[in-house]
Amino acid sequence: MRTVLCYGDSNTWGYNPDGSGRYPKEIRWTSVLQKELGNNFDIIPEGLNGRTTVWDDPVKGDYRNGKTYLLPCLHTHKPIDLVVLFLGSNDLKYRFSVTSYEIAESVEMLINIIKKSETGPKMASPEILVIIPPPIFIPSEVKDSPYLLPIAEKTADKSKQFSQEFNRVLNEQCHLLDSSKIIETSKIDGLHLDPESHRVLGKEMAKYIKNEIFK
């Protein structure tokens, strides 16, 4: 059996964009991935709302720093055949003031931790797959706000650069799946995934893992 650790934020946790809480387990993309891959794979969902790549969040809590928890998480679940990183969207928050390129570099820091962790089979490095987050969408209520709109537009523009910058920084360092080519964020809040995007992402992930990583 192959072990796949999915390390991400609220879109891995399964946050419902209508604010009602968490999607049922069967809707989440990690569960769809498990169903598609079958019993020869063990999918471990490690999603946390608000998780960043490497930043302490002074408002929501330092424990949301993805770098801080990554190594303990890897050693908790080892041996791991594949680590899936689905992070970056929370780094877009205005208080962090970082560029899309710097966010890609932050993901690179996590990749380096995984490569040196010796948490793969026989203490080797696990395979690594980075999901490039989809661009965020500006909800209508924000478009009507003269105060929030300028910040939202800058944030949305940064997210549109993810594909280019992640490929520029991470090319040949890991496997890359550009989610913007297959899914989009919900029109409700512009950040989280609707059930259909969860379904599509899980299915496309399964194809990629079977055809590109574990051929």
N, C-alpha and C. Protein backbone atom coordinates (compact mmCIF):
# COMPACT_ATOMS: atom_id res chain seq x y z
N MET A 1 0.84 -1.21 0.00
CA MET A 1 0.00 0.00 0.00
C MET A 1 0.87 1.25 0.00
N ARG A 2 0.48 2.23 -0.82
CA ARG A 2 1.20 3.51 -0.87
C ARG A 2 0.49 4.54 0.01
N THR A 3 1.28 5.31 0.74
CA THR A 3 0.75 6.35 1.62
C THR A 3 0.90 7.71 0.98
N VAL A 4 -0.19 8.47 0.92
CA VAL A 4 -0.19 9.81 0.33
C VAL A 4 -0.65 10.80 1.39
N LEU A 5 0.22 11.74 1.75
CA LEU A 5 -0.10 12.78 2.72
C LEU A 5 -0.50 14.05 1.98
N CYS A 6 -1.71 14.54 2.23
CA CYS A 6 -2.21 15.76 1.58
C CYS A 6 -2.16 16.91 2.58
N TYR A 7 -1.19 17.78 2.40
CA TYR A 7 -0.90 18.85 3.36
C TYR A 7 -1.37 20.18 2.78
N GLY A 8 -2.44 20.74 3.38
CA GLY A 8 -3.01 21.93 2.78
C GLY A 8 -3.74 22.82 3.76
N ASP A 9 -4.60 23.67 3.22
CA ASP A 9 -5.33 24.64 4.02
C ASP A 9 -6.82 24.29 4.04
N SER A 10 -7.67 25.30 4.04
CA SER A 10 -9.11 25.05 4.17
C SER A 10 -9.70 24.31 2.98
N ASN A 11 -9.07 24.41 1.81
CA ASN A 11 -9.58 23.68 0.65
C ASN A 11 -9.21 22.20 0.71
N THR A 12 -8.30 21.84 1.58
CA THR A 12 -8.04 20.43 1.87
C THR A 12 -8.89 19.98 3.05
N TRP A 13 -9.11 20.87 3.99
CA TRP A 13 -9.98 20.59 5.14
C TRP A 13 -11.42 20.38 4.69
N GLY A 14 -11.83 21.13 3.66
CA GLY A 14 -13.18 20.98 3.13
C GLY A 14 -14.14 22.09 3.53
N TYR A 15 -13.64 23.31 3.62
CA TYR A 15 -14.46 24.45 4.03
C TYR A 15 -15.53 24.77 2.98
N ASN A 16 -16.78 24.90 3.44
CA ASN A 16 -17.88 25.25 2.55
C ASN A 16 -17.92 26.76 2.35
N PRO A 17 -17.85 27.25 1.12
CA PRO A 17 -17.81 28.70 0.88
C PRO A 17 -19.03 29.46 1.36
N ASP A 18 -20.13 28.77 1.67
CA ASP A 18 -21.30 29.49 2.18
C ASP A 18 -21.19 29.78 3.68
N GLY A 19 -20.07 29.34 4.28
CA GLY A 19 -19.81 29.64 5.67
C GLY A 19 -20.48 28.72 6.67
N SER A 20 -21.10 27.65 6.19
CA SER A 20 -21.85 26.76 7.07
C SER A 20 -20.98 25.72 7.76
N GLY A 21 -19.69 25.70 7.45
CA GLY A 21 -18.81 24.74 8.11
C GLY A 21 -18.08 23.85 7.12
N ARG A 22 -17.99 22.58 7.44
CA ARG A 22 -17.19 21.63 6.66
C ARG A 22 -18.07 20.76 5.78
N TYR A 23 -17.62 20.54 4.56
CA TYR A 23 -18.33 19.61 3.69
C TYR A 23 -18.32 18.21 4.31
N PRO A 24 -19.35 17.41 4.05
CA PRO A 24 -19.30 16.00 4.44
C PRO A 24 -18.06 15.33 3.85
N LYS A 25 -17.57 14.33 4.52
CA LYS A 25 -16.32 13.70 4.13
C LYS A 25 -16.32 13.25 2.68
N GLU A 26 -17.43 12.70 2.19
CA GLU A 26 -17.45 12.13 0.86
C GLU A 26 -17.32 13.18 -0.24
N ILE A 27 -17.57 14.45 0.07
CA ILE A 27 -17.47 15.51 -0.92
C ILE A 27 -16.04 16.01 -1.10
N ARG A 28 -15.24 15.96 -0.05
CA ARG A 28 -13.89 16.53 -0.09
C ARG A 28 -13.01 15.85 -1.13
N TRP A 29 -12.13 16.62 -1.76
CA TRP A 29 -11.32 16.08 -2.84
C TRP A 29 -10.41 14.95 -2.38
N THR A 30 -9.99 14.98 -1.11
CA THR A 30 -9.14 13.90 -0.61
C THR A 30 -9.90 12.58 -0.56
N SER A 31 -11.20 12.64 -0.25
CA SER A 31 -12.02 11.43 -0.22
C SER A 31 -12.30 10.93 -1.64
N VAL A 32 -12.51 11.87 -2.57
CA VAL A 32 -12.68 11.50 -3.97
C VAL A 32 -11.41 10.82 -4.47
N LEU A 33 -10.27 11.37 -4.10
CA LEU A 33 -8.98 10.79 -4.48
C LEU A 33 -8.83 9.37 -3.94
N GLN A 34 -9.22 9.17 -2.68
CA GLN A 34 -9.16 7.84 -2.09
C GLN A 34 -10.03 6.85 -2.86
N LYS A 35 -11.23 7.27 -3.19
CA LYS A 35 -12.14 6.40 -3.92
C LYS A 35 -11.60 6.04 -5.29
N GLU A 36 -11.02 7.01 -5.98
CA GLU A 36 -10.50 6.79 -7.33
C GLU A 36 -9.27 5.89 -7.32
N LEU A 37 -8.41 6.04 -6.32
CA LEU A 37 -7.17 5.27 -6.28
C LEU A 37 -7.38 3.87 -5.72
N GLY A 38 -8.37 3.72 -4.86
CA GLY A 38 -8.68 2.39 -4.35
C GLY A 38 -7.89 1.97 -3.13
N ASN A 39 -8.02 0.71 -2.78
CA ASN A 39 -7.47 0.19 -1.53
C ASN A 39 -5.95 0.05 -1.51
N ASN A 40 -5.31 0.22 -2.65
CA ASN A 40 -3.85 0.14 -2.68
C ASN A 40 -3.19 1.45 -2.24
N PHE A 41 -4.02 2.45 -1.94
CA PHE A 41 -3.52 3.73 -1.48
C PHE A 41 -4.19 4.12 -0.17
N ASP A 42 -3.42 4.75 0.70
CA ASP A 42 -3.94 5.31 1.95
C ASP A 42 -3.78 6.82 1.89
N ILE A 43 -4.90 7.54 1.73
CA ILE A 43 -4.88 8.99 1.60
C ILE A 43 -5.07 9.62 2.98
N ILE A 44 -4.10 10.42 3.40
CA ILE A 44 -4.15 11.07 4.71
C ILE A 44 -4.40 12.56 4.52
N PRO A 45 -5.60 13.06 4.86
CA PRO A 45 -5.87 14.49 4.72
C PRO A 45 -5.34 15.26 5.92
N GLU A 46 -4.51 16.24 5.65
CA GLU A 46 -3.96 17.12 6.71
C GLU A 46 -4.23 18.56 6.31
N GLY A 47 -5.50 18.97 6.37
CA GLY A 47 -5.89 20.33 6.02
C GLY A 47 -6.18 21.15 7.27
N LEU A 48 -5.78 22.42 7.24
CA LEU A 48 -6.02 23.33 8.36
C LEU A 48 -6.49 24.67 7.82
N ASN A 49 -7.62 25.16 8.32
CA ASN A 49 -8.12 26.46 7.89
C ASN A 49 -7.09 27.55 8.18
N GLY A 50 -6.81 28.39 7.18
CA GLY A 50 -5.90 29.51 7.37
C GLY A 50 -4.43 29.17 7.32
N ARG A 51 -4.09 27.93 7.02
CA ARG A 51 -2.66 27.55 7.01
C ARG A 51 -1.91 28.31 5.92
N THR A 52 -0.78 28.87 6.28
CA THR A 52 0.10 29.54 5.35
C THR A 52 1.24 28.61 4.96
N THR A 53 2.12 29.09 4.11
CA THR A 53 3.31 28.29 3.79
C THR A 53 4.32 28.38 4.92
N VAL A 54 4.80 29.59 5.19
CA VAL A 54 5.89 29.75 6.18
C VAL A 54 5.64 30.92 7.14
N TRP A 55 4.44 31.51 7.12
CA TRP A 55 4.22 32.75 7.86
C TRP A 55 3.44 32.52 9.15
N ASP A 56 3.93 33.14 10.26
CA ASP A 56 3.13 33.21 11.48
C ASP A 56 2.03 34.24 11.26
N ASP A 57 0.81 33.88 11.59
CA ASP A 57 -0.31 34.79 11.40
C ASP A 57 -0.60 35.52 12.71
N PRO A 58 -0.31 36.83 12.78
CA PRO A 58 -0.50 37.56 14.04
C PRO A 58 -1.97 37.73 14.43
N VAL A 59 -2.87 37.50 13.48
CA VAL A 59 -4.30 37.67 13.75
C VAL A 59 -4.96 36.32 14.07
N LYS A 60 -4.71 35.32 13.22
CA LYS A 60 -5.38 34.03 13.35
C LYS A 60 -4.60 33.00 14.17
N GLY A 61 -3.32 33.28 14.46
CA GLY A 61 -2.57 32.36 15.30
C GLY A 61 -1.33 31.80 14.63
N ASP A 62 -0.22 31.73 15.41
CA ASP A 62 1.05 31.25 14.88
C ASP A 62 0.99 29.79 14.46
N TYR A 63 0.07 29.02 15.03
CA TYR A 63 0.00 27.59 14.73
C TYR A 63 -0.42 27.32 13.29
N ARG A 64 -0.82 28.35 12.57
CA ARG A 64 -1.21 28.18 11.17
C ARG A 64 -0.02 28.21 10.22
N ASN A 65 1.17 28.37 10.75
CA ASN A 65 2.39 28.36 9.94
C ASN A 65 2.66 26.94 9.45
N GLY A 66 2.57 26.73 8.14
CA GLY A 66 2.74 25.39 7.58
C GLY A 66 4.13 24.84 7.73
N LYS A 67 5.11 25.69 7.79
CA LYS A 67 6.50 25.25 7.94
C LYS A 67 6.73 24.65 9.32
N THR A 68 6.14 25.25 10.34
CA THR A 68 6.36 24.82 11.73
C THR A 68 5.88 23.40 11.97
N TYR A 69 4.72 23.06 11.40
CA TYR A 69 4.13 21.75 11.68
C TYR A 69 4.53 20.68 10.67
N LEU A 70 5.14 21.06 9.57
CA LEU A 70 5.37 20.10 8.49
C LEU A 70 6.23 18.92 8.93
N LEU A 71 7.36 19.16 9.54
CA LEU A 71 8.27 18.06 9.89
C LEU A 71 7.64 17.10 10.91
N PRO A 72 7.04 17.59 11.99
CA PRO A 72 6.34 16.65 12.89
C PRO A 72 5.26 15.85 12.17
N CYS A 73 4.56 16.50 11.26
CA CYS A 73 3.50 15.82 10.51
C CYS A 73 4.08 14.69 9.66
N LEU A 74 5.18 14.97 8.98
CA LEU A 74 5.82 13.96 8.15
C LEU A 74 6.25 12.75 8.97
N HIS A 75 6.85 13.02 10.13
CA HIS A 75 7.34 11.91 10.96
C HIS A 75 6.20 11.17 11.64
N THR A 76 5.07 11.83 11.83
CA THR A 76 3.90 11.15 12.40
C THR A 76 3.38 10.07 11.46
N HIS A 77 3.39 10.36 10.16
CA HIS A 77 2.75 9.48 9.18
C HIS A 77 3.73 8.63 8.37
N LYS A 78 5.01 8.73 8.62
CA LYS A 78 6.00 8.00 7.82
C LYS A 78 5.85 6.49 8.01
N PRO A 79 6.27 5.69 7.02
CA PRO A 79 6.85 6.10 5.73
C PRO A 79 5.78 6.60 4.75
N ILE A 80 6.13 7.64 4.03
CA ILE A 80 5.20 8.30 3.11
C ILE A 80 5.74 8.18 1.68
N ASP A 81 4.90 7.74 0.79
CA ASP A 81 5.32 7.59 -0.61
C ASP A 81 5.20 8.90 -1.38
N LEU A 82 4.18 9.70 -1.04
CA LEU A 82 3.92 10.94 -1.77
C LEU A 82 3.37 11.99 -0.82
N VAL A 83 3.93 13.21 -0.90
CA VAL A 83 3.39 14.36 -0.18
C VAL A 83 2.78 15.31 -1.20
N VAL A 84 1.51 15.65 -0.99
CA VAL A 84 0.82 16.62 -1.84
C VAL A 84 0.74 17.93 -1.08
N LEU A 85 1.30 18.99 -1.64
CA LEU A 85 1.24 20.33 -1.04
C LEU A 85 0.22 21.17 -1.80
N PHE A 86 -0.77 21.67 -1.08
CA PHE A 86 -1.80 22.52 -1.69
C PHE A 86 -1.93 23.77 -0.81
N LEU A 87 -0.94 24.67 -0.95
CA LEU A 87 -0.86 25.87 -0.11
C LEU A 87 -0.50 27.09 -0.96
N GLY A 88 -0.72 28.25 -0.37
CA GLY A 88 -0.34 29.49 -1.04
C GLY A 88 -1.43 30.55 -1.00
N SER A 89 -2.67 30.13 -1.01
CA SER A 89 -3.78 31.10 -1.07
C SER A 89 -3.83 32.00 0.16
N ASN A 90 -3.56 31.45 1.34
CA ASN A 90 -3.60 32.28 2.55
C ASN A 90 -2.44 33.25 2.64
N ASP A 91 -1.37 32.99 1.90
CA ASP A 91 -0.25 33.92 1.86
C ASP A 91 -0.62 35.22 1.16
N LEU A 92 -1.74 35.20 0.43
CA LEU A 92 -2.19 36.38 -0.29
C LEU A 92 -2.78 37.44 0.62
N LYS A 93 -3.01 37.11 1.88
CA LYS A 93 -3.61 38.07 2.79
C LYS A 93 -2.78 39.35 2.87
N TYR A 94 -3.48 40.46 2.95
CA TYR A 94 -2.84 41.79 2.88
C TYR A 94 -1.77 41.96 3.94
N ARG A 95 -1.96 41.38 5.12
CA ARG A 95 -1.02 41.59 6.21
C ARG A 95 0.35 40.95 5.98
N PHE A 96 0.45 40.02 5.04
CA PHE A 96 1.74 39.38 4.77
C PHE A 96 2.58 40.16 3.75
N SER A 97 1.92 40.90 2.87
CA SER A 97 2.60 41.78 1.91
C SER A 97 3.71 41.06 1.14
N VAL A 98 3.40 39.91 0.57
CA VAL A 98 4.38 39.18 -0.22
C VAL A 98 3.89 39.02 -1.66
N THR A 99 4.83 38.83 -2.57
CA THR A 99 4.50 38.68 -3.99
C THR A 99 4.21 37.23 -4.31
N SER A 100 3.68 36.99 -5.49
CA SER A 100 3.43 35.63 -5.94
C SER A 100 4.73 34.85 -6.06
N TYR A 101 5.77 35.52 -6.49
CA TYR A 101 7.09 34.88 -6.60
C TYR A 101 7.58 34.45 -5.22
N GLU A 102 7.40 35.31 -4.21
CA GLU A 102 7.83 34.97 -2.86
C GLU A 102 7.00 33.83 -2.28
N ILE A 103 5.74 33.76 -2.64
CA ILE A 103 4.90 32.65 -2.20
C ILE A 103 5.40 31.34 -2.80
N ALA A 104 5.77 31.38 -4.08
CA ALA A 104 6.35 30.19 -4.71
C ALA A 104 7.66 29.79 -4.03
N GLU A 105 8.46 30.78 -3.67
CA GLU A 105 9.71 30.49 -2.95
C GLU A 105 9.43 29.87 -1.59
N SER A 106 8.33 30.29 -0.96
CA SER A 106 7.95 29.71 0.34
C SER A 106 7.56 28.25 0.20
N VAL A 107 6.86 27.93 -0.88
CA VAL A 107 6.55 26.52 -1.15
C VAL A 107 7.85 25.74 -1.37
N GLU A 108 8.80 26.37 -2.02
CA GLU A 108 10.10 25.73 -2.24
C GLU A 108 10.77 25.38 -0.92
N MET A 109 10.62 26.24 0.09
CA MET A 109 11.18 25.95 1.41
C MET A 109 10.55 24.68 1.99
N LEU A 110 9.25 24.51 1.81
CA LEU A 110 8.58 23.30 2.30
C LEU A 110 9.07 22.07 1.54
N ILE A 111 9.29 22.21 0.25
CA ILE A 111 9.80 21.11 -0.56
C ILE A 111 11.16 20.66 -0.04
N ASN A 112 12.00 21.62 0.30
CA ASN A 112 13.34 21.29 0.79
C ASN A 112 13.28 20.56 2.13
N ILE A 113 12.32 20.94 2.97
CA ILE A 113 12.13 20.24 4.25
C ILE A 113 11.74 18.78 3.99
N ILE A 114 10.82 18.58 3.06
CA ILE A 114 10.37 17.21 2.75
C ILE A 114 11.52 16.38 2.19
N LYS A 115 12.31 16.96 1.31
CA LYS A 115 13.40 16.22 0.68
C LYS A 115 14.46 15.79 1.69
N LYS A 116 14.63 16.56 2.74
CA LYS A 116 15.65 16.25 3.75
C LYS A 116 15.09 15.47 4.94
N SER A 117 13.81 15.18 4.91
CA SER A 117 13.13 14.62 6.09
C SER A 117 13.41 13.14 6.33
N GLU A 118 13.82 12.43 5.29
CA GLU A 118 14.03 10.97 5.40
C GLU A 118 12.77 10.26 5.88
N THR A 119 11.63 10.71 5.38
CA THR A 119 10.35 10.11 5.81
C THR A 119 9.70 9.27 4.72
N GLY A 120 10.43 9.03 3.64
CA GLY A 120 9.93 8.15 2.60
C GLY A 120 10.25 6.70 2.90
N PRO A 121 9.90 5.79 2.01
CA PRO A 121 10.24 4.37 2.20
C PRO A 121 11.76 4.20 2.33
N LYS A 122 12.17 3.39 3.28
CA LYS A 122 13.60 3.13 3.53
C LYS A 122 14.37 4.41 3.79
N MET A 123 13.72 5.39 4.44
CA MET A 123 14.32 6.67 4.84
C MET A 123 14.75 7.51 3.64
N ALA A 124 14.17 7.24 2.48
CA ALA A 124 14.44 8.07 1.31
C ALA A 124 13.51 9.28 1.35
N SER A 125 13.54 10.10 0.31
CA SER A 125 12.65 11.25 0.23
C SER A 125 11.34 10.83 -0.43
N PRO A 126 10.20 11.26 0.11
CA PRO A 126 8.92 10.98 -0.57
C PRO A 126 8.85 11.72 -1.90
N GLU A 127 8.04 11.23 -2.80
CA GLU A 127 7.71 12.00 -3.99
C GLU A 127 6.93 13.24 -3.54
N ILE A 128 7.00 14.31 -4.32
CA ILE A 128 6.32 15.55 -3.95
C ILE A 128 5.49 16.05 -5.13
N LEU A 129 4.23 16.35 -4.86
CA LEU A 129 3.34 16.92 -5.86
C LEU A 129 2.78 18.23 -5.32
N VAL A 130 3.02 19.32 -6.02
CA VAL A 130 2.48 20.63 -5.63
C VAL A 130 1.27 20.94 -6.50
N ILE A 131 0.15 21.23 -5.84
CA ILE A 131 -1.02 21.71 -6.56
C ILE A 131 -0.95 23.23 -6.58
N ILE A 132 -0.89 23.81 -7.76
CA ILE A 132 -0.87 25.27 -7.88
C ILE A 132 -2.30 25.75 -7.64
N PRO A 133 -2.51 26.61 -6.62
CA PRO A 133 -3.88 27.03 -6.29
C PRO A 133 -4.54 27.79 -7.44
N PRO A 134 -5.87 27.66 -7.56
CA PRO A 134 -6.59 28.41 -8.60
C PRO A 134 -6.67 29.88 -8.22
N PRO A 135 -6.82 30.77 -9.20
CA PRO A 135 -6.97 32.20 -8.90
C PRO A 135 -8.22 32.45 -8.06
N ILE A 136 -8.15 33.46 -7.21
CA ILE A 136 -9.32 33.81 -6.42
C ILE A 136 -10.23 34.72 -7.24
N PHE A 137 -11.49 34.77 -6.82
CA PHE A 137 -12.52 35.54 -7.51
C PHE A 137 -13.03 36.61 -6.56
N ILE A 138 -13.31 37.81 -7.05
CA ILE A 138 -13.79 38.90 -6.20
C ILE A 138 -15.31 38.83 -6.11
N PRO A 139 -15.87 38.53 -4.93
CA PRO A 139 -17.34 38.46 -4.77
C PRO A 139 -18.00 39.81 -5.04
N SER A 140 -19.26 39.77 -5.39
CA SER A 140 -19.99 40.99 -5.77
C SER A 140 -20.04 42.02 -4.65
N GLU A 141 -20.17 41.56 -3.39
CA GLU A 141 -20.27 42.52 -2.29
C GLU A 141 -18.97 43.30 -2.10
N VAL A 142 -17.86 42.67 -2.45
CA VAL A 142 -16.57 43.36 -2.36
C VAL A 142 -16.43 44.35 -3.51
N LYS A 143 -16.92 43.98 -4.67
CA LYS A 143 -16.87 44.87 -5.82
C LYS A 143 -17.63 46.17 -5.56
N ASP A 144 -18.63 46.10 -4.70
CA ASP A 144 -19.44 47.28 -4.39
C ASP A 144 -18.85 48.13 -3.27
N SER A 145 -17.72 47.68 -2.70
CA SER A 145 -17.10 48.40 -1.59
C SER A 145 -15.90 49.22 -2.07
N PRO A 146 -15.96 50.55 -1.97
CA PRO A 146 -14.82 51.37 -2.40
C PRO A 146 -13.59 51.19 -1.52
N TYR A 147 -13.78 50.62 -0.32
CA TYR A 147 -12.67 50.44 0.60
C TYR A 147 -11.97 49.10 0.39
N LEU A 148 -12.75 48.06 0.16
CA LEU A 148 -12.19 46.72 0.03
C LEU A 148 -11.73 46.39 -1.39
N LEU A 149 -12.35 46.99 -2.38
CA LEU A 149 -12.08 46.62 -3.77
C LEU A 149 -10.61 46.77 -4.18
N PRO A 150 -9.94 47.88 -3.87
CA PRO A 150 -8.53 48.00 -4.29
C PRO A 150 -7.64 46.89 -3.74
N ILE A 151 -7.85 46.53 -2.49
CA ILE A 151 -7.06 45.44 -1.89
C ILE A 151 -7.41 44.11 -2.55
N ALA A 152 -8.70 43.89 -2.77
CA ALA A 152 -9.14 42.63 -3.38
C ALA A 152 -8.59 42.49 -4.79
N GLU A 153 -8.55 43.58 -5.54
CA GLU A 153 -8.03 43.53 -6.90
C GLU A 153 -6.55 43.17 -6.92
N LYS A 154 -5.78 43.73 -6.00
CA LYS A 154 -4.36 43.40 -5.92
C LYS A 154 -4.16 41.94 -5.55
N THR A 155 -4.98 41.46 -4.63
CA THR A 155 -4.89 40.06 -4.21
C THR A 155 -5.25 39.13 -5.36
N ALA A 156 -6.31 39.45 -6.08
CA ALA A 156 -6.73 38.62 -7.21
C ALA A 156 -5.65 38.60 -8.28
N ASP A 157 -5.03 39.74 -8.54
CA ASP A 157 -3.97 39.81 -9.55
C ASP A 157 -2.78 38.93 -9.15
N LYS A 158 -2.44 38.94 -7.87
CA LYS A 158 -1.35 38.08 -7.40
C LYS A 158 -1.68 36.61 -7.64
N SER A 159 -2.92 36.24 -7.35
CA SER A 159 -3.31 34.84 -7.49
C SER A 159 -3.27 34.39 -8.95
N LYS A 160 -3.51 35.32 -9.86
CA LYS A 160 -3.46 34.99 -11.28
C LYS A 160 -2.03 34.72 -11.75
N GLN A 161 -1.05 35.14 -10.96
CA GLN A 161 0.36 34.93 -11.29
C GLN A 161 0.91 33.63 -10.73
N PHE A 162 0.09 32.92 -9.96
CA PHE A 162 0.56 31.68 -9.34
C PHE A 162 1.11 30.69 -10.36
N SER A 163 0.38 30.46 -11.42
CA SER A 163 0.80 29.46 -12.41
C SER A 163 2.19 29.78 -12.95
N GLN A 164 2.40 31.02 -13.35
CA GLN A 164 3.68 31.42 -13.90
C GLN A 164 4.80 31.31 -12.87
N GLU A 165 4.57 31.84 -11.67
CA GLU A 165 5.64 31.90 -10.67
C GLU A 165 5.93 30.53 -10.06
N PHE A 166 4.92 29.72 -9.83
CA PHE A 166 5.16 28.38 -9.30
C PHE A 166 5.97 27.56 -10.30
N ASN A 167 5.62 27.68 -11.57
CA ASN A 167 6.38 26.95 -12.59
C ASN A 167 7.81 27.47 -12.69
N ARG A 168 7.98 28.78 -12.57
CA ARG A 168 9.32 29.36 -12.68
C ARG A 168 10.22 28.90 -11.53
N VAL A 169 9.68 28.89 -10.32
CA VAL A 169 10.49 28.56 -9.14
C VAL A 169 10.62 27.05 -8.93
N LEU A 170 9.56 26.31 -9.18
CA LEU A 170 9.51 24.90 -8.77
C LEU A 170 9.73 23.91 -9.90
N ASN A 171 9.81 24.37 -11.12
CA ASN A 171 10.01 23.47 -12.26
C ASN A 171 11.21 22.57 -12.04
N GLU A 172 11.01 21.27 -12.23
CA GLU A 172 12.03 20.23 -12.10
C GLU A 172 12.39 19.91 -10.65
N GLN A 173 11.77 20.59 -9.68
CA GLN A 173 12.01 20.27 -8.27
C GLN A 173 10.99 19.29 -7.73
N CYS A 174 9.85 19.22 -8.40
CA CYS A 174 8.77 18.37 -7.92
C CYS A 174 7.76 18.19 -9.05
N HIS A 175 6.74 17.40 -8.80
CA HIS A 175 5.62 17.30 -9.73
C HIS A 175 4.71 18.50 -9.52
N LEU A 176 4.17 19.04 -10.60
CA LEU A 176 3.28 20.20 -10.53
C LEU A 176 1.96 19.91 -11.23
N LEU A 177 0.87 20.25 -10.56
CA LEU A 177 -0.45 20.16 -11.16
C LEU A 177 -1.11 21.53 -11.06
N ASP A 178 -1.36 22.17 -12.18
CA ASP A 178 -1.94 23.51 -12.20
C ASP A 178 -3.46 23.40 -12.12
N SER A 179 -4.00 23.66 -10.94
CA SER A 179 -5.44 23.47 -10.75
C SER A 179 -6.27 24.49 -11.52
N SER A 180 -5.67 25.61 -11.92
CA SER A 180 -6.43 26.62 -12.67
C SER A 180 -6.90 26.11 -14.02
N LYS A 181 -6.30 25.04 -14.49
CA LYS A 181 -6.67 24.47 -15.78
C LYS A 181 -7.87 23.53 -15.67
N ILE A 182 -8.24 23.17 -14.44
CA ILE A 182 -9.31 22.18 -14.27
C ILE A 182 -10.44 22.61 -13.34
N ILE A 183 -10.17 23.56 -12.43
CA ILE A 183 -11.20 23.98 -11.48
C ILE A 183 -11.16 25.50 -11.31
N GLU A 184 -12.16 26.04 -10.62
CA GLU A 184 -12.16 27.44 -10.25
C GLU A 184 -12.77 27.58 -8.87
N THR A 185 -12.49 28.71 -8.22
CA THR A 185 -13.04 28.95 -6.89
C THR A 185 -14.51 29.32 -6.98
N SER A 186 -15.20 29.16 -5.86
CA SER A 186 -16.64 29.41 -5.80
C SER A 186 -16.95 30.89 -6.01
N LYS A 187 -18.05 31.15 -6.70
CA LYS A 187 -18.51 32.52 -6.88
C LYS A 187 -19.09 33.09 -5.59
N ILE A 188 -19.31 32.25 -4.59
CA ILE A 188 -19.89 32.71 -3.33
C ILE A 188 -18.89 33.56 -2.55
N ASP A 189 -17.69 32.99 -2.32
CA ASP A 189 -16.69 33.75 -1.56
C ASP A 189 -15.40 34.00 -2.33
N GLY A 190 -15.28 33.38 -3.50
CA GLY A 190 -14.13 33.63 -4.35
C GLY A 190 -12.86 32.94 -3.96
N LEU A 191 -12.88 32.15 -2.88
CA LEU A 191 -11.64 31.53 -2.39
C LEU A 191 -11.74 30.02 -2.27
N HIS A 192 -12.89 29.53 -1.81
CA HIS A 192 -13.01 28.10 -1.54
C HIS A 192 -13.65 27.35 -2.70
N LEU A 193 -13.55 26.04 -2.65
CA LEU A 193 -14.03 25.19 -3.73
C LEU A 193 -15.45 24.71 -3.49
N ASP A 194 -16.23 24.65 -4.57
CA ASP A 194 -17.57 24.08 -4.47
C ASP A 194 -17.48 22.56 -4.65
N PRO A 195 -18.55 21.84 -4.42
CA PRO A 195 -18.51 20.37 -4.52
C PRO A 195 -18.02 19.86 -5.87
N GLU A 196 -18.40 20.53 -6.96
CA GLU A 196 -17.97 20.08 -8.27
C GLU A 196 -16.46 20.22 -8.44
N SER A 197 -15.89 21.29 -7.94
CA SER A 197 -14.44 21.46 -8.03
C SER A 197 -13.72 20.42 -7.18
N HIS A 198 -14.27 20.09 -6.01
CA HIS A 198 -13.69 19.02 -5.20
C HIS A 198 -13.70 17.71 -5.98
N ARG A 199 -14.82 17.42 -6.63
CA ARG A 199 -14.94 16.17 -7.38
C ARG A 199 -13.94 16.12 -8.53
N VAL A 200 -13.87 17.20 -9.30
CA VAL A 200 -12.96 17.23 -10.45
C VAL A 200 -11.51 17.15 -10.00
N LEU A 201 -11.17 17.90 -8.96
CA LEU A 201 -9.78 17.89 -8.49
C LEU A 201 -9.38 16.50 -8.02
N GLY A 202 -10.24 15.83 -7.27
CA GLY A 202 -9.93 14.48 -6.80
C GLY A 202 -9.72 13.51 -7.94
N LYS A 203 -10.57 13.58 -8.94
CA LYS A 203 -10.45 12.67 -10.09
C LYS A 203 -9.19 12.96 -10.90
N GLU A 204 -8.91 14.23 -11.16
CA GLU A 204 -7.72 14.58 -11.94
C GLU A 204 -6.44 14.26 -11.18
N MET A 205 -6.48 14.45 -9.87
CA MET A 205 -5.32 14.08 -9.04
C MET A 205 -5.04 12.59 -9.15
N ALA A 206 -6.10 11.79 -9.10
CA ALA A 206 -5.92 10.35 -9.19
C ALA A 206 -5.28 9.95 -10.52
N LYS A 207 -5.75 10.57 -11.61
CA LYS A 207 -5.16 10.28 -12.92
C LYS A 207 -3.68 10.64 -12.95
N TYR A 208 -3.36 11.80 -12.40
CA TYR A 208 -1.97 12.26 -12.42
C TYR A 208 -1.08 11.32 -11.60
N ILE A 209 -1.56 10.95 -10.43
CA ILE A 209 -0.77 10.08 -9.56
C ILE A 209 -0.53 8.72 -10.21
N LYS A 210 -1.55 8.17 -10.84
CA LYS A 210 -1.41 6.85 -11.48
C LYS A 210 -0.59 6.91 -12.75
N ASN A 211 -0.73 7.99 -13.52
CA ASN A 211 -0.09 8.06 -14.84
C ASN A 211 1.28 8.72 -14.85
N GLU A 212 1.53 9.61 -13.86
CA GLU A 212 2.78 10.37 -13.89
C GLU A 212 3.73 10.05 -12.76
N ILE A 213 3.22 9.64 -11.62
CA ILE A 213 4.08 9.43 -10.45
C ILE A 213 4.34 7.95 -10.19
N PHE A 214 3.28 7.18 -10.09
CA PHE A 214 3.42 5.74 -9.84
C PHE A 214 2.93 4.97 -11.06
N LYS A 215 3.71 5.05 -12.11
CA LYS A 215 3.31 4.43 -13.38
C LYS A 215 3.35 2.91 -13.29
